[in-house]
Amino acid sequence: MIKAAPSPLLSRSPRFNEQHVEPDDLVNINGSLDRKMTPPVVRIDRLLKQSPK
């Protein structure tokens, strides 16, 4: 499970380029994981929501 660090710049609803992402949605994420931060931080460069098959 990936948890994002809370940010005052982000709304409570997870959004990236106006795409709403639900917990059961299938997504493709490109980014990086900074394990040295406490808690670890995931920086997302690209998020692509995939259509259901």
C-alpha atoms as a PDB file:
ATOM      1  CA  MET A   1       0.000   0.000   0.000  1.00  0.00           C
ATOM      2  CA  ILE A   2       1.325   3.451  -0.922  1.00  0.00           C
ATOM      3  CA  LYS A   3       0.452   6.344   1.348  1.00  0.00           C
ATOM      4  CA  ALA A   4       1.083   9.933   0.333  1.00  0.00           C
ATOM      5  CA  ALA A   5       2.337  12.480   2.839  1.00  0.00           C
ATOM      6  CA  PRO A   6      -0.271  15.108   3.740  1.00  0.00           C
ATOM      7  CA  SER A   7       0.210  18.352   1.855  1.00  0.00           C
ATOM      8  CA  PRO A   8      -1.540  21.684   2.370  1.00  0.00           C
ATOM      9  CA  LEU A   9      -1.514  22.153  -1.425  1.00  0.00           C
ATOM     10  CA  LEU A  10      -3.602  19.048  -2.118  1.00  0.00           C
ATOM     11  CA  SER A  11      -7.308  18.660  -1.544  1.00  0.00           C
ATOM     12  CA  ARG A  12      -8.653  15.716   0.446  1.00  0.00           C
ATOM     13  CA  SER A  13      -9.746  14.066  -2.791  1.00  0.00           C
ATOM     14  CA  PRO A  14      -6.793  12.468  -4.640  1.00  0.00           C
ATOM     15  CA  ARG A  15      -6.496  14.286  -7.983  1.00  0.00           C
ATOM     16  CA  PHE A  16      -3.837  14.536 -10.664  1.00  0.00           C
ATOM     17  CA  ASN A  17      -4.526  16.664 -13.759  1.00  0.00           C
ATOM     18  CA  GLU A  18      -8.218  16.769 -12.789  1.00  0.00           C
ATOM     19  CA  GLN A  19      -8.494  12.951 -12.790  1.00  0.00           C
ATOM     20  CA  HIS A  20     -10.369  11.564  -9.785  1.00  0.00           C
ATOM     21  CA  VAL A  21      -8.882   8.292  -8.527  1.00  0.00           C
ATOM     22  CA  GLU A  22     -10.891   5.855  -6.418  1.00  0.00           C
ATOM     23  CA  PRO A  23      -9.258   3.106  -4.294  1.00  0.00           C
ATOM     24  CA  ASP A  24     -10.405   0.324  -6.687  1.00  0.00           C
ATOM     25  CA  ASP A  25      -9.293   2.097  -9.906  1.00  0.00           C
ATOM     26  CA  LEU A  26      -6.468   0.590 -11.943  1.00  0.00           C
ATOM     27  CA  VAL A  27      -3.709   3.172 -12.494  1.00  0.00           C
ATOM     28  CA  ASN A  28      -0.230   3.358 -13.995  1.00  0.00           C
ATOM     29  CA  ILE A  29       2.168   5.506 -11.931  1.00  0.00           C
ATOM     30  CA  ASN A  30       5.638   6.799 -12.828  1.00  0.00           C
ATOM     31  CA  GLY A  31       7.513   8.447 -10.002  1.00  0.00           C
ATOM     32  CA  SER A  32      10.025   7.970  -7.243  1.00  0.00           C
ATOM     33  CA  LEU A  33      10.058   6.767  -3.642  1.00  0.00           C
ATOM     34  CA  ASP A  34      12.090   8.659  -1.035  1.00  0.00           C
ATOM     35  CA  ARG A  35      12.567   6.113   1.763  1.00  0.00           C
ATOM     36  CA  LYS A  36      14.831   8.439   3.763  1.00  0.00           C
ATOM     37  CA  MET A  37      11.904  10.735   4.586  1.00  0.00           C
ATOM     38  CA  THR A  38       9.778   9.963   7.638  1.00  0.00           C
ATOM     39  CA  PRO A  39       7.210   8.794   6.638  1.00  0.00           C
ATOM     40  CA  PRO A  40       8.451   7.684   3.194  1.00  0.00           C
ATOM     41  CA  VAL A  41       7.278   9.994   0.389  1.00  0.00           C
ATOM     42  CA  VAL A  42       6.157   9.047  -3.125  1.00  0.00           C
ATOM     43  CA  ARG A  43       6.600  11.747  -5.773  1.00  0.00           C
ATOM     44  CA  ILE A  44       4.364  11.116  -8.785  1.00  0.00           C
ATOM     45  CA  ASP A  45       5.613  12.357 -12.171  1.00  0.00           C
ATOM     46  CA  ARG A  46       2.890  10.776 -14.304  1.00  0.00           C
ATOM     47  CA  LEU A  47      -0.416   9.117 -13.454  1.00  0.00           C
ATOM     48  CA  LEU A  48      -2.483   7.360 -16.109  1.00  0.00           C
ATOM     49  CA  LYS A  49      -5.915   6.030 -15.193  1.00  0.00           C
ATOM     50  CA  GLN A  50      -6.590   2.806 -17.084  1.00  0.00           C
ATOM     51  CA  SER A  51     -10.003   1.904 -18.446  1.00  0.00           C
ATOM     52  CA  PRO A  52     -11.695  -1.225 -17.065  1.00  0.00           C
ATOM     53  CA  LYS A  53     -11.622  -4.284 -19.328  1.00  0.00           C
END
